[in-house]
Amino acid sequence: VQLVESGGGLVQAGGSLRLSCAASGSTFSILTMGWYRHTPGKQRELVAAITKGGGSTKYADSVKGRFTISRHSAKNTMYLQMNSLKPEDTAVYYCSAGHSDYVPDYNGMDYWGKGTLVTVSS
């Protein structure tokens, strides 16, 4: 399974960005997809995750009410709409995918993308 992120960039605080993750390869066995983020000195932490078909979602407390995760299963694509961005949201955001419905709070699932940088200026 290959994962490719896009949509990162520089935005002012209060602004919005939309990240996309395109999955390819043996995607039929993927059950859960999610976004993690990493800043220097910290573990890679869960931002949001979604199961196949979008039936179940999970969000970090820090992004609830601001970020929305969605998934287009037929297109093997996942999105993260980020609104009301804060400087503390600055990080490299990684797409991750896994074969189970277990979503770790840190360090991700079975597969990773290379990441996309999101920078929020104050």
PDB file of N, CA and C in Angstrom:
ATOM      1  N   VAL A   1       0.846  -1.194   0.000  1.00  0.00           N
ATOM      2  CA  VAL A   1       0.000   0.000   0.000  1.00  0.00           C
ATOM      3  C   VAL A   1       0.884   1.248   0.000  1.00  0.00           C
ATOM      4  N   GLN A   2       0.592   2.140  -0.908  1.00  0.00           N
ATOM      5  CA  GLN A   2       1.329   3.407  -0.984  1.00  0.00           C
ATOM      6  C   GLN A   2       0.369   4.556  -0.652  1.00  0.00           C
ATOM      7  N   LEU A   3       0.872   5.494   0.133  1.00  0.00           N
ATOM      8  CA  LEU A   3       0.073   6.636   0.564  1.00  0.00           C
ATOM      9  C   LEU A   3       0.799   7.915   0.182  1.00  0.00           C
ATOM     10  N   VAL A   4       0.089   8.842  -0.441  1.00  0.00           N
ATOM     11  CA  VAL A   4       0.689  10.102  -0.861  1.00  0.00           C
ATOM     12  C   VAL A   4      -0.171  11.257  -0.360  1.00  0.00           C
ATOM     13  N   GLU A   5       0.455  12.112   0.452  1.00  0.00           N
ATOM     14  CA  GLU A   5      -0.259  13.263   0.994  1.00  0.00           C
ATOM     15  C   GLU A   5      -0.064  14.488   0.100  1.00  0.00           C
ATOM     16  N   SER A   6      -1.022  15.389   0.184  1.00  0.00           N
ATOM     17  CA  SER A   6      -0.907  16.684  -0.483  1.00  0.00           C
ATOM     18  C   SER A   6      -1.745  17.696   0.273  1.00  0.00           C
ATOM     19  N   GLY A   7      -1.480  18.984   0.016  1.00  0.00           N
ATOM     20  CA  GLY A   7      -2.318  20.038   0.572  1.00  0.00           C
ATOM     21  C   GLY A   7      -1.712  20.836   1.703  1.00  0.00           C
ATOM     22  N   GLY A   8      -0.516  20.470   2.149  1.00  0.00           N
ATOM     23  CA  GLY A   8       0.108  21.250   3.204  1.00  0.00           C
ATOM     24  C   GLY A   8       0.561  22.610   2.695  1.00  0.00           C
ATOM     25  N   GLY A   9       0.993  23.457   3.632  1.00  0.00           N
ATOM     26  CA  GLY A   9       1.479  24.771   3.253  1.00  0.00           C
ATOM     27  C   GLY A   9       1.515  25.717   4.423  1.00  0.00           C
ATOM     28  N   LEU A  10       1.659  26.987   4.104  1.00  0.00           N
ATOM     29  CA  LEU A  10       1.723  28.045   5.108  1.00  0.00           C
ATOM     30  C   LEU A  10       0.402  28.781   5.166  1.00  0.00           C
ATOM     31  N   VAL A  11      -0.114  28.962   6.365  1.00  0.00           N
ATOM     32  CA  VAL A  11      -1.393  29.658   6.543  1.00  0.00           C
ATOM     33  C   VAL A  11      -1.334  30.482   7.814  1.00  0.00           C
ATOM     34  N   GLN A  12      -2.076  31.557   7.848  1.00  0.00           N
ATOM     35  CA  GLN A  12      -2.140  32.375   9.058  1.00  0.00           C
ATOM     36  C   GLN A  12      -3.078  31.744  10.070  1.00  0.00           C
ATOM     37  N   ALA A  13      -2.849  32.060  11.326  1.00  0.00           N
ATOM     38  CA  ALA A  13      -3.730  31.577  12.386  1.00  0.00           C
ATOM     39  C   ALA A  13      -5.167  31.991  12.087  1.00  0.00           C
ATOM     40  N   GLY A  14      -6.078  31.048  12.312  1.00  0.00           N
ATOM     41  CA  GLY A  14      -7.479  31.280  12.000  1.00  0.00           C
ATOM     42  C   GLY A  14      -7.883  30.830  10.612  1.00  0.00           C
ATOM     43  N   GLY A  15      -6.899  30.511   9.791  1.00  0.00           N
ATOM     44  CA  GLY A  15      -7.169  30.081   8.434  1.00  0.00           C
ATOM     45  C   GLY A  15      -7.492  28.609   8.325  1.00  0.00           C
ATOM     46  N   SER A  16      -7.618  28.147   7.082  1.00  0.00           N
ATOM     47  CA  SER A  16      -7.999  26.761   6.813  1.00  0.00           C
ATOM     48  C   SER A  16      -7.085  26.134   5.775  1.00  0.00           C
ATOM     49  N   LEU A  17      -6.957  24.837   5.871  1.00  0.00           N
ATOM     50  CA  LEU A  17      -6.263  24.033   4.868  1.00  0.00           C
ATOM     51  C   LEU A  17      -7.001  22.710   4.739  1.00  0.00           C
ATOM     52  N   ARG A  18      -6.866  22.091   3.569  1.00  0.00           N
ATOM     53  CA  ARG A  18      -7.434  20.766   3.357  1.00  0.00           C
ATOM     54  C   ARG A  18      -6.326  19.837   2.889  1.00  0.00           C
ATOM     55  N   LEU A  19      -6.092  18.796   3.656  1.00  0.00           N
ATOM     56  CA  LEU A  19      -5.113  17.795   3.279  1.00  0.00           C
ATOM     57  C   LEU A  19      -5.810  16.633   2.575  1.00  0.00           C
ATOM     58  N   SER A  20      -5.103  16.033   1.641  1.00  0.00           N
ATOM     59  CA  SER A  20      -5.601  14.858   0.938  1.00  0.00           C
ATOM     60  C   SER A  20      -4.586  13.743   1.041  1.00  0.00           C
ATOM     61  N   CYS A  21      -5.083  12.507   1.038  1.00  0.00           N
ATOM     62  CA  CYS A  21      -4.215  11.333   1.027  1.00  0.00           C
ATOM     63  C   CYS A  21      -4.772  10.354   0.006  1.00  0.00           C
ATOM     64  N   ALA A  22      -3.956  10.044  -0.982  1.00  0.00           N
ATOM     65  CA  ALA A  22      -4.348   9.086  -2.014  1.00  0.00           C
ATOM     66  C   ALA A  22      -3.661   7.761  -1.748  1.00  0.00           C
ATOM     67  N   ALA A  23      -4.450   6.690  -1.676  1.00  0.00           N
ATOM     68  CA  ALA A  23      -3.928   5.355  -1.430  1.00  0.00           C
ATOM     69  C   ALA A  23      -3.939   4.554  -2.724  1.00  0.00           C
ATOM     70  N   SER A  24      -2.910   3.730  -2.903  1.00  0.00           N
ATOM     71  CA  SER A  24      -2.834   2.856  -4.076  1.00  0.00           C
ATOM     72  C   SER A  24      -2.218   1.535  -3.666  1.00  0.00           C
ATOM     73  N   GLY A  25      -2.295   0.568  -4.560  1.00  0.00           N
ATOM     74  CA  GLY A  25      -1.771  -0.757  -4.253  1.00  0.00           C
ATOM     75  C   GLY A  25      -2.871  -1.657  -3.714  1.00  0.00           C
ATOM     76  N   SER A  26      -2.539  -2.481  -2.753  1.00  0.00           N
ATOM     77  CA  SER A  26      -3.492  -3.471  -2.214  1.00  0.00           C
ATOM     78  C   SER A  26      -4.403  -2.837  -1.172  1.00  0.00           C
ATOM     79  N   THR A  27      -5.216  -1.921  -1.611  1.00  0.00           N
ATOM     80  CA  THR A  27      -6.048  -1.151  -0.677  1.00  0.00           C
ATOM     81  C   THR A  27      -7.293  -1.893  -0.222  1.00  0.00           C
ATOM     82  N   PHE A  28      -7.605  -3.031  -0.845  1.00  0.00           N
ATOM     83  CA  PHE A  28      -8.839  -3.740  -0.505  1.00  0.00           C
ATOM     84  C   PHE A  28      -8.835  -4.205   0.945  1.00  0.00           C
ATOM     85  N   SER A  29      -7.649  -4.406   1.507  1.00  0.00           N
ATOM     86  CA  SER A  29      -7.560  -4.921   2.879  1.00  0.00           C
ATOM     87  C   SER A  29      -7.464  -3.816   3.926  1.00  0.00           C
ATOM     88  N   ILE A  30      -7.433  -2.581   3.477  1.00  0.00           N
ATOM     89  CA  ILE A  30      -7.319  -1.468   4.420  1.00  0.00           C
ATOM     90  C   ILE A  30      -8.667  -1.209   5.075  1.00  0.00           C
ATOM     91  N   LEU A  31      -8.684  -1.197   6.402  1.00  0.00           N
ATOM     92  CA  LEU A  31      -9.918  -0.937   7.122  1.00  0.00           C
ATOM     93  C   LEU A  31      -9.967   0.499   7.648  1.00  0.00           C
ATOM     94  N   THR A  32      -8.863   0.939   8.203  1.00  0.00           N
ATOM     95  CA  THR A  32      -8.846   2.242   8.860  1.00  0.00           C
ATOM     96  C   THR A  32      -7.762   3.120   8.245  1.00  0.00           C
ATOM     97  N   MET A  33      -8.073   4.414   8.112  1.00  0.00           N
ATOM     98  CA  MET A  33      -7.095   5.396   7.679  1.00  0.00           C
ATOM     99  C   MET A  33      -7.105   6.558   8.655  1.00  0.00           C
ATOM    100  N   GLY A  34      -5.983   7.229   8.741  1.00  0.00           N
ATOM    101  CA  GLY A  34      -5.930   8.329   9.696  1.00  0.00           C
ATOM    102  C   GLY A  34      -4.823   9.312   9.394  1.00  0.00           C
ATOM    103  N   TRP A  35      -4.831  10.388  10.139  1.00  0.00           N
ATOM    104  CA  TRP A  35      -3.801  11.422  10.066  1.00  0.00           C
ATOM    105  C   TRP A  35      -3.086  11.508  11.406  1.00  0.00           C
ATOM    106  N   TYR A  36      -1.774  11.549  11.341  1.00  0.00           N
ATOM    107  CA  TYR A  36      -0.934  11.771  12.503  1.00  0.00           C
ATOM    108  C   TYR A  36      -0.074  12.994  12.222  1.00  0.00           C
ATOM    109  N   ARG A  37       0.439  13.592  13.285  1.00  0.00           N
ATOM    110  CA  ARG A  37       1.337  14.725  13.088  1.00  0.00           C
ATOM    111  C   ARG A  37       2.542  14.615  14.017  1.00  0.00           C
ATOM    112  N   HIS A  38       3.624  15.210  13.563  1.00  0.00           N
ATOM    113  CA  HIS A  38       4.870  15.120  14.304  1.00  0.00           C
ATOM    114  C   HIS A  38       5.546  16.472  14.386  1.00  0.00           C
ATOM    115  N   THR A  39       5.956  16.814  15.585  1.00  0.00           N
ATOM    116  CA  THR A  39       6.787  17.992  15.809  1.00  0.00           C
ATOM    117  C   THR A  39       8.054  17.527  16.518  1.00  0.00           C
ATOM    118  N   PRO A  40       9.147  18.235  16.328  1.00  0.00           N
ATOM    119  CA  PRO A  40      10.425  17.805  16.924  1.00  0.00           C
ATOM    120  C   PRO A  40      10.321  17.606  18.434  1.00  0.00           C
ATOM    121  N   GLY A  41      10.883  16.500  18.903  1.00  0.00           N
ATOM    122  CA  GLY A  41      10.896  16.226  20.330  1.00  0.00           C
ATOM    123  C   GLY A  41       9.663  15.532  20.855  1.00  0.00           C
ATOM    124  N   LYS A  42       8.701  15.288  19.973  1.00  0.00           N
ATOM    125  CA  LYS A  42       7.476  14.626  20.414  1.00  0.00           C
ATOM    126  C   LYS A  42       7.237  13.363  19.606  1.00  0.00           C
ATOM    127  N   GLN A  43       6.378  12.505  20.147  1.00  0.00           N
ATOM    128  CA  GLN A  43       5.966  11.326  19.400  1.00  0.00           C
ATOM    129  C   GLN A  43       4.999  11.744  18.287  1.00  0.00           C
ATOM    130  N   ARG A  44       4.891  10.888  17.307  1.00  0.00           N
ATOM    131  CA  ARG A  44       3.922  11.107  16.252  1.00  0.00           C
ATOM    132  C   ARG A  44       2.543  10.832  16.858  1.00  0.00           C
ATOM    133  N   GLU A  45       1.683  11.858  16.884  1.00  0.00           N
ATOM    134  CA  GLU A  45       0.411  11.722  17.583  1.00  0.00           C
ATOM    135  C   GLU A  45      -0.775  11.697  16.624  1.00  0.00           C
ATOM    136  N   LEU A  46      -1.798  10.991  17.054  1.00  0.00           N
ATOM    137  CA  LEU A  46      -3.017  10.897  16.262  1.00  0.00           C
ATOM    138  C   LEU A  46      -3.711  12.242  16.195  1.00  0.00           C
ATOM    139  N   VAL A  47      -4.160  12.592  14.994  1.00  0.00           N
ATOM    140  CA  VAL A  47      -5.002  13.772  14.804  1.00  0.00           C
ATOM    141  C   VAL A  47      -6.451  13.326  14.618  1.00  0.00           C
ATOM    142  N   ALA A  48      -6.657  12.414  13.665  1.00  0.00           N
ATOM    143  CA  ALA A  48      -8.007  11.914  13.392  1.00  0.00           C
ATOM    144  C   ALA A  48      -7.898  10.622  12.608  1.00  0.00           C
ATOM    145  N   ALA A  49      -8.921   9.776  12.730  1.00  0.00           N
ATOM    146  CA  ALA A  49      -8.957   8.516  12.002  1.00  0.00           C
ATOM    147  C   ALA A  49     -10.386   8.200  11.604  1.00  0.00           C
ATOM    148  N   ILE A  50     -10.501   7.365  10.581  1.00  0.00           N
ATOM    149  CA  ILE A  50     -11.821   7.028  10.058  1.00  0.00           C
ATOM    150  C   ILE A  50     -11.796   5.605   9.527  1.00  0.00           C
ATOM    151  N   THR A  51     -12.886   4.874   9.763  1.00  0.00           N
ATOM    152  CA  THR A  51     -12.954   3.509   9.276  1.00  0.00           C
ATOM    153  C   THR A  51     -13.504   3.473   7.846  1.00  0.00           C
ATOM    154  N   LYS A  52     -13.370   2.323   7.229  1.00  0.00           N
ATOM    155  CA  LYS A  52     -13.857   2.131   5.867  1.00  0.00           C
ATOM    156  C   LYS A  52     -15.342   2.434   5.812  1.00  0.00           C
ATOM    157  N   GLY A  53     -15.728   3.218   4.827  1.00  0.00           N
ATOM    158  CA  GLY A  53     -17.122   3.622   4.718  1.00  0.00           C
ATOM    159  C   GLY A  53     -17.477   4.811   5.578  1.00  0.00           C
ATOM    160  N   GLY A  54     -16.517   5.249   6.399  1.00  0.00           N
ATOM    161  CA  GLY A  54     -16.747   6.442   7.211  1.00  0.00           C
ATOM    162  C   GLY A  54     -17.676   6.245   8.380  1.00  0.00           C
ATOM    163  N   GLY A  55     -17.903   4.981   8.779  1.00  0.00           N
ATOM    164  CA  GLY A  55     -18.863   4.727   9.831  1.00  0.00           C
ATOM    165  C   GLY A  55     -18.426   5.146  11.212  1.00  0.00           C
ATOM    166  N   SER A  56     -17.131   5.234  11.426  1.00  0.00           N
ATOM    167  CA  SER A  56     -16.625   5.577  12.743  1.00  0.00           C
ATOM    168  C   SER A  56     -15.438   6.514  12.601  1.00  0.00           C
ATOM    169  N   THR A  57     -15.414   7.554  13.430  1.00  0.00           N
ATOM    170  CA  THR A  57     -14.293   8.485  13.427  1.00  0.00           C
ATOM    171  C   THR A  57     -13.762   8.667  14.835  1.00  0.00           C
ATOM    172  N   LYS A  58     -12.512   9.117  14.894  1.00  0.00           N
ATOM    173  CA  LYS A  58     -11.871   9.386  16.177  1.00  0.00           C
ATOM    174  C   LYS A  58     -11.022  10.636  16.000  1.00  0.00           C
ATOM    175  N   TYR A  59     -11.084  11.534  16.975  1.00  0.00           N
ATOM    176  CA  TYR A  59     -10.334  12.778  16.919  1.00  0.00           C
ATOM    177  C   TYR A  59      -9.535  12.988  18.198  1.00  0.00           C
ATOM    178  N   ALA A  60      -8.397  13.615  18.052  1.00  0.00           N
ATOM    179  CA  ALA A  60      -7.671  14.092  19.229  1.00  0.00           C
ATOM    180  C   ALA A  60      -8.470  15.238  19.848  1.00  0.00           C
ATOM    181  N   ASP A  61      -8.429  15.339  21.162  1.00  0.00           N
ATOM    182  CA  ASP A  61      -9.182  16.396  21.844  1.00  0.00           C
ATOM    183  C   ASP A  61      -8.778  17.784  21.341  1.00  0.00           C
ATOM    184  N   SER A  62      -7.524  17.941  20.982  1.00  0.00           N
ATOM    185  CA  SER A  62      -7.012  19.249  20.587  1.00  0.00           C
ATOM    186  C   SER A  62      -7.574  19.756  19.261  1.00  0.00           C
ATOM    187  N   VAL A  63      -8.178  18.857  18.465  1.00  0.00           N
ATOM    188  CA  VAL A  63      -8.683  19.290  17.159  1.00  0.00           C
ATOM    189  C   VAL A  63     -10.196  19.146  17.026  1.00  0.00           C
ATOM    190  N   LYS A  64     -10.843  18.590  18.028  1.00  0.00           N
ATOM    191  CA  LYS A  64     -12.296  18.408  17.958  1.00  0.00           C
ATOM    192  C   LYS A  64     -12.995  19.747  17.747  1.00  0.00           C
ATOM    193  N   GLY A  65     -13.940  19.747  16.822  1.00  0.00           N
ATOM    194  CA  GLY A  65     -14.675  20.969  16.518  1.00  0.00           C
ATOM    195  C   GLY A  65     -13.991  21.859  15.496  1.00  0.00           C
ATOM    196  N   ARG A  66     -12.736  21.570  15.179  1.00  0.00           N
ATOM    197  CA  ARG A  66     -11.992  22.383  14.194  1.00  0.00           C
ATOM    198  C   ARG A  66     -11.632  21.576  12.948  1.00  0.00           C
ATOM    199  N   PHE A  67     -11.310  20.318  13.127  1.00  0.00           N
ATOM    200  CA  PHE A  67     -10.887  19.458  12.016  1.00  0.00           C
ATOM    201  C   PHE A  67     -11.982  18.446  11.701  1.00  0.00           C
ATOM    202  N   THR A  68     -12.093  18.101  10.432  1.00  0.00           N
ATOM    203  CA  THR A  68     -13.042  17.088  10.002  1.00  0.00           C
ATOM    204  C   THR A  68     -12.363  16.109   9.060  1.00  0.00           C
ATOM    205  N   ILE A  69     -12.461  14.830   9.381  1.00  0.00           N
ATOM    206  CA  ILE A  69     -11.881  13.799   8.535  1.00  0.00           C
ATOM    207  C   ILE A  69     -12.990  13.172   7.696  1.00  0.00           C
ATOM    208  N   SER A  70     -12.660  12.856   6.448  1.00  0.00           N
ATOM    209  CA  SER A  70     -13.622  12.201   5.578  1.00  0.00           C
ATOM    210  C   SER A  70     -12.872  11.249   4.655  1.00  0.00           C
ATOM    211  N   ARG A  71     -13.641  10.383   4.023  1.00  0.00           N
ATOM    212  CA  ARG A  71     -13.009   9.348   3.205  1.00  0.00           C
ATOM    213  C   ARG A  71     -13.913   9.017   2.023  1.00  0.00           C
ATOM    214  N   HIS A  72     -13.316   8.928   0.845  1.00  0.00           N
ATOM    215  CA  HIS A  72     -14.041   8.512  -0.346  1.00  0.00           C
ATOM    216  C   HIS A  72     -13.499   7.140  -0.700  1.00  0.00           C
ATOM    217  N   SER A  73     -14.160   6.095  -0.230  1.00  0.00           N
ATOM    218  CA  SER A  73     -13.621   4.742  -0.373  1.00  0.00           C
ATOM    219  C   SER A  73     -13.447   4.330  -1.831  1.00  0.00           C
ATOM    220  N   ALA A  74     -14.383   4.712  -2.687  1.00  0.00           N
ATOM    221  CA  ALA A  74     -14.297   4.311  -4.091  1.00  0.00           C
ATOM    222  C   ALA A  74     -13.070   4.913  -4.764  1.00  0.00           C
ATOM    223  N   LYS A  75     -12.650   6.083  -4.300  1.00  0.00           N
ATOM    224  CA  LYS A  75     -11.476   6.744  -4.859  1.00  0.00           C
ATOM    225  C   LYS A  75     -10.221   6.470  -4.051  1.00  0.00           C
ATOM    226  N   ASN A  76     -10.358   5.680  -2.982  1.00  0.00           N
ATOM    227  CA  ASN A  76      -9.215   5.402  -2.098  1.00  0.00           C
ATOM    228  C   ASN A  76      -8.527   6.690  -1.653  1.00  0.00           C
ATOM    229  N   THR A  77      -9.323   7.651  -1.289  1.00  0.00           N
ATOM    230  CA  THR A  77      -8.804   8.951  -0.886  1.00  0.00           C
ATOM    231  C   THR A  77      -9.393   9.371   0.452  1.00  0.00           C
ATOM    232  N   MET A  78      -8.558  10.003   1.245  1.00  0.00           N
ATOM    233  CA  MET A  78      -8.976  10.500   2.545  1.00  0.00           C
ATOM    234  C   MET A  78      -8.635  11.980   2.623  1.00  0.00           C
ATOM    235  N   TYR A  79      -9.441  12.726   3.399  1.00  0.00           N
ATOM    236  CA  TYR A  79      -9.244  14.168   3.501  1.00  0.00           C
ATOM    237  C   TYR A  79      -9.224  14.600   4.968  1.00  0.00           C
ATOM    238  N   LEU A  80      -8.574  15.710   5.198  1.00  0.00           N
ATOM    239  CA  LEU A  80      -8.629  16.339   6.511  1.00  0.00           C
ATOM    240  C   LEU A  80      -8.866  17.831   6.293  1.00  0.00           C
ATOM    241  N   GLN A  81     -10.065  18.273   6.619  1.00  0.00           N
ATOM    242  CA  GLN A  81     -10.386  19.696   6.551  1.00  0.00           C
ATOM    243  C   GLN A  81     -10.006  20.326   7.880  1.00  0.00           C
ATOM    244  N   MET A  82      -9.101  21.281   7.829  1.00  0.00           N
ATOM    245  CA  MET A  82      -8.604  21.919   9.045  1.00  0.00           C
ATOM    246  C   MET A  82      -9.026  23.377   9.057  1.00  0.00           C
ATOM    247  N   ASN A  83      -9.855  23.732  10.018  1.00  0.00           N
ATOM    248  CA  ASN A  83     -10.327  25.099  10.163  1.00  0.00           C
ATOM    249  C   ASN A  83      -9.824  25.694  11.470  1.00  0.00           C
ATOM    250  N   SER A  84      -9.902  27.008  11.575  1.00  0.00           N
ATOM    251  CA  SER A  84      -9.489  27.708  12.793  1.00  0.00           C
ATOM    252  C   SER A  84      -8.103  27.252  13.244  1.00  0.00           C
ATOM    253  N   LEU A  85      -7.198  27.222  12.314  1.00  0.00           N
ATOM    254  CA  LEU A  85      -5.854  26.715  12.610  1.00  0.00           C
ATOM    255  C   LEU A  85      -5.125  27.606  13.611  1.00  0.00           C
ATOM    256  N   LYS A  86      -4.330  26.946  14.441  1.00  0.00           N
ATOM    257  CA  LYS A  86      -3.555  27.616  15.488  1.00  0.00           C
ATOM    258  C   LYS A  86      -2.068  27.360  15.252  1.00  0.00           C
ATOM    259  N   PRO A  87      -1.214  28.230  15.758  1.00  0.00           N
ATOM    260  CA  PRO A  87       0.231  27.975  15.605  1.00  0.00           C
ATOM    261  C   PRO A  87       0.654  26.616  16.145  1.00  0.00           C
ATOM    262  N   GLU A  88      -0.011  26.144  17.182  1.00  0.00           N
ATOM    263  CA  GLU A  88       0.360  24.844  17.742  1.00  0.00           C
ATOM    264  C   GLU A  88      -0.040  23.670  16.853  1.00  0.00           C
ATOM    265  N   ASP A  89      -0.767  23.936  15.768  1.00  0.00           N
ATOM    266  CA  ASP A  89      -1.063  22.891  14.795  1.00  0.00           C
ATOM    267  C   ASP A  89       0.089  22.689  13.813  1.00  0.00           C
ATOM    268  N   THR A  90       1.091  23.553  13.883  1.00  0.00           N
ATOM    269  CA  THR A  90       2.245  23.417  12.998  1.00  0.00           C
ATOM    270  C   THR A  90       2.935  22.087  13.221  1.00  0.00           C
ATOM    271  N   ALA A  91       3.101  21.318  12.145  1.00  0.00           N
ATOM    272  CA  ALA A  91       3.683  19.983  12.236  1.00  0.00           C
ATOM    273  C   ALA A  91       3.798  19.394  10.837  1.00  0.00           C
ATOM    274  N   VAL A  92       4.485  18.268  10.754  1.00  0.00           N
ATOM    275  CA  VAL A  92       4.412  17.445   9.551  1.00  0.00           C
ATOM    276  C   VAL A  92       3.248  16.481   9.754  1.00  0.00           C
ATOM    277  N   TYR A  93       2.331  16.472   8.813  1.00  0.00           N
ATOM    278  CA  TYR A  93       1.147  15.627   8.895  1.00  0.00           C
ATOM    279  C   TYR A  93       1.347  14.403   8.003  1.00  0.00           C
ATOM    280  N   TYR A  94       1.098  13.253   8.594  1.00  0.00           N
ATOM    281  CA  TYR A  94       1.285  11.987   7.896  1.00  0.00           C
ATOM    282  C   TYR A  94      -0.044  11.264   7.731  1.00  0.00           C
ATOM    283  N   CYS A  95      -0.210  10.683   6.564  1.00  0.00           N
ATOM    284  CA  CYS A  95      -1.323   9.773   6.315  1.00  0.00           C
ATOM    285  C   CYS A  95      -0.890   8.381   6.755  1.00  0.00           C
ATOM    286  N   SER A  96      -1.789   7.662   7.382  1.00  0.00           N
ATOM    287  CA  SER A  96      -1.494   6.314   7.838  1.00  0.00           C
ATOM    288  C   SER A  96      -2.701   5.425   7.562  1.00  0.00           C
ATOM    289  N   ALA A  97      -2.444   4.132   7.364  1.00  0.00           N
ATOM    290  CA  ALA A  97      -3.519   3.189   7.077  1.00  0.00           C
ATOM    291  C   ALA A  97      -3.215   1.862   7.740  1.00  0.00           C
ATOM    292  N   GLY A  98      -4.275   1.138   8.105  1.00  0.00           N
ATOM    293  CA  GLY A  98      -4.084  -0.128   8.781  1.00  0.00           C
ATOM    294  C   GLY A  98      -5.143  -1.147   8.446  1.00  0.00           C
ATOM    295  N   HIS A  99      -4.848  -2.405   8.791  1.00  0.00           N
ATOM    296  CA  HIS A  99      -5.727  -3.519   8.467  1.00  0.00           C
ATOM    297  C   HIS A  99      -6.778  -3.797   9.539  1.00  0.00           C
ATOM    298  N   SER A 100      -6.659  -3.135  10.686  1.00  0.00           N
ATOM    299  CA  SER A 100      -7.615  -3.378  11.754  1.00  0.00           C
ATOM    300  C   SER A 100      -8.354  -2.090  12.095  1.00  0.00           C
ATOM    301  N   ASP A 101      -9.303  -2.204  13.023  1.00  0.00           N
ATOM    302  CA  ASP A 101     -10.014  -1.009  13.472  1.00  0.00           C
ATOM    303  C   ASP A 101      -9.392  -0.416  14.730  1.00  0.00           C
ATOM    304  N   TYR A 102      -8.226  -0.923  15.099  1.00  0.00           N
ATOM    305  CA  TYR A 102      -7.516  -0.358  16.244  1.00  0.00           C
ATOM    306  C   TYR A 102      -6.736   0.865  15.788  1.00  0.00           C
ATOM    307  N   VAL A 103      -6.930   1.976  16.478  1.00  0.00           N
ATOM    308  CA  VAL A 103      -6.273   3.221  16.125  1.00  0.00           C
ATOM    309  C   VAL A 103      -5.382   3.663  17.283  1.00  0.00           C
ATOM    310  N   PRO A 104      -4.083   3.506  17.158  1.00  0.00           N
ATOM    311  CA  PRO A 104      -3.184   3.942  18.234  1.00  0.00           C
ATOM    312  C   PRO A 104      -3.186   5.461  18.372  1.00  0.00           C
ATOM    313  N   ASP A 105      -3.024   5.942  19.583  1.00  0.00           N
ATOM    314  CA  ASP A 105      -2.925   7.387  19.802  1.00  0.00           C
ATOM    315  C   ASP A 105      -1.558   7.932  19.381  1.00  0.00           C
ATOM    316  N   TYR A 106      -0.590   7.052  19.293  1.00  0.00           N
ATOM    317  CA  TYR A 106       0.756   7.469  18.895  1.00  0.00           C
ATOM    318  C   TYR A 106       1.326   6.485  17.894  1.00  0.00           C
ATOM    319  N   ASN A 107       2.190   7.037  17.022  1.00  0.00           N
ATOM    320  CA  ASN A 107       3.052   6.244  16.142  1.00  0.00           C
ATOM    321  C   ASN A 107       2.370   5.515  15.003  1.00  0.00           C
ATOM    322  N   GLY A 108       1.082   5.512  14.892  1.00  0.00           N
ATOM    323  CA  GLY A 108       0.418   5.102  13.672  1.00  0.00           C
ATOM    324  C   GLY A 108       0.110   3.642  13.469  1.00  0.00           C
ATOM    325  N   MET A 109      -0.293   3.330  12.248  1.00  0.00           N
ATOM    326  CA  MET A 109      -0.791   2.010  11.891  1.00  0.00           C
ATOM    327  C   MET A 109       0.237   1.285  11.021  1.00  0.00           C
ATOM    328  N   ASP A 110      -0.241   0.530  10.011  1.00  0.00           N
ATOM    329  CA  ASP A 110       0.662  -0.355   9.275  1.00  0.00           C
ATOM    330  C   ASP A 110       1.437   0.347   8.158  1.00  0.00           C
ATOM    331  N   TYR A 111       0.871   1.376   7.567  1.00  0.00           N
ATOM    332  CA  TYR A 111       1.483   2.022   6.413  1.00  0.00           C
ATOM    333  C   TYR A 111       1.537   3.535   6.631  1.00  0.00           C
ATOM    334  N   TRP A 112       2.559   4.155   6.010  1.00  0.00           N
ATOM    335  CA  TRP A 112       2.768   5.589   6.166  1.00  0.00           C
ATOM    336  C   TRP A 112       3.011   6.258   4.829  1.00  0.00           C
ATOM    337  N   GLY A 113       2.561   7.518   4.734  1.00  0.00           N
ATOM    338  CA  GLY A 113       3.008   8.370   3.655  1.00  0.00           C
ATOM    339  C   GLY A 113       4.278   9.094   4.080  1.00  0.00           C
ATOM    340  N   LYS A 114       4.787   9.955   3.204  1.00  0.00           N
ATOM    341  CA  LYS A 114       6.029  10.665   3.501  1.00  0.00           C
ATOM    342  C   LYS A 114       5.800  11.952   4.274  1.00  0.00           C
ATOM    343  N   GLY A 115       4.564  12.394   4.346  1.00  0.00           N
ATOM    344  CA  GLY A 115       4.237  13.564   5.143  1.00  0.00           C
ATOM    345  C   GLY A 115       4.136  14.842   4.339  1.00  0.00           C
ATOM    346  N   THR A 116       3.380  15.779   4.877  1.00  0.00           N
ATOM    347  CA  THR A 116       3.256  17.108   4.280  1.00  0.00           C
ATOM    348  C   THR A 116       3.305  18.129   5.410  1.00  0.00           C
ATOM    349  N   LEU A 117       4.069  19.200   5.196  1.00  0.00           N
ATOM    350  CA  LEU A 117       4.292  20.181   6.247  1.00  0.00           C
ATOM    351  C   LEU A 117       3.169  21.209   6.278  1.00  0.00           C
ATOM    352  N   VAL A 118       2.646  21.418   7.467  1.00  0.00           N
ATOM    353  CA  VAL A 118       1.665  22.477   7.713  1.00  0.00           C
ATOM    354  C   VAL A 118       2.294  23.474   8.677  1.00  0.00           C
ATOM    355  N   THR A 119       2.342  24.726   8.257  1.00  0.00           N
ATOM    356  CA  THR A 119       2.904  25.782   9.095  1.00  0.00           C
ATOM    357  C   THR A 119       1.843  26.848   9.316  1.00  0.00           C
ATOM    358  N   VAL A 120       1.553  27.125  10.578  1.00  0.00           N
ATOM    359  CA  VAL A 120       0.551  28.125  10.928  1.00  0.00           C
ATOM    360  C   VAL A 120       1.261  29.292  11.608  1.00  0.00           C
ATOM    361  N   SER A 121       1.202  30.441  10.983  1.00  0.00           N
ATOM    362  CA  SER A 121       1.877  31.614  11.528  1.00  0.00           C
ATOM    363  C   SER A 121       0.925  32.403  12.431  1.00  0.00           C
ATOM    364  N   SER A 122       1.511  33.039  13.432  1.00  0.00           N
ATOM    365  CA  SER A 122       0.690  33.803  14.396  1.00  0.00           C
ATOM    366  C   SER A 122       0.513  35.242  13.946  1.00  0.00           C
TER     367      SER A 122
END
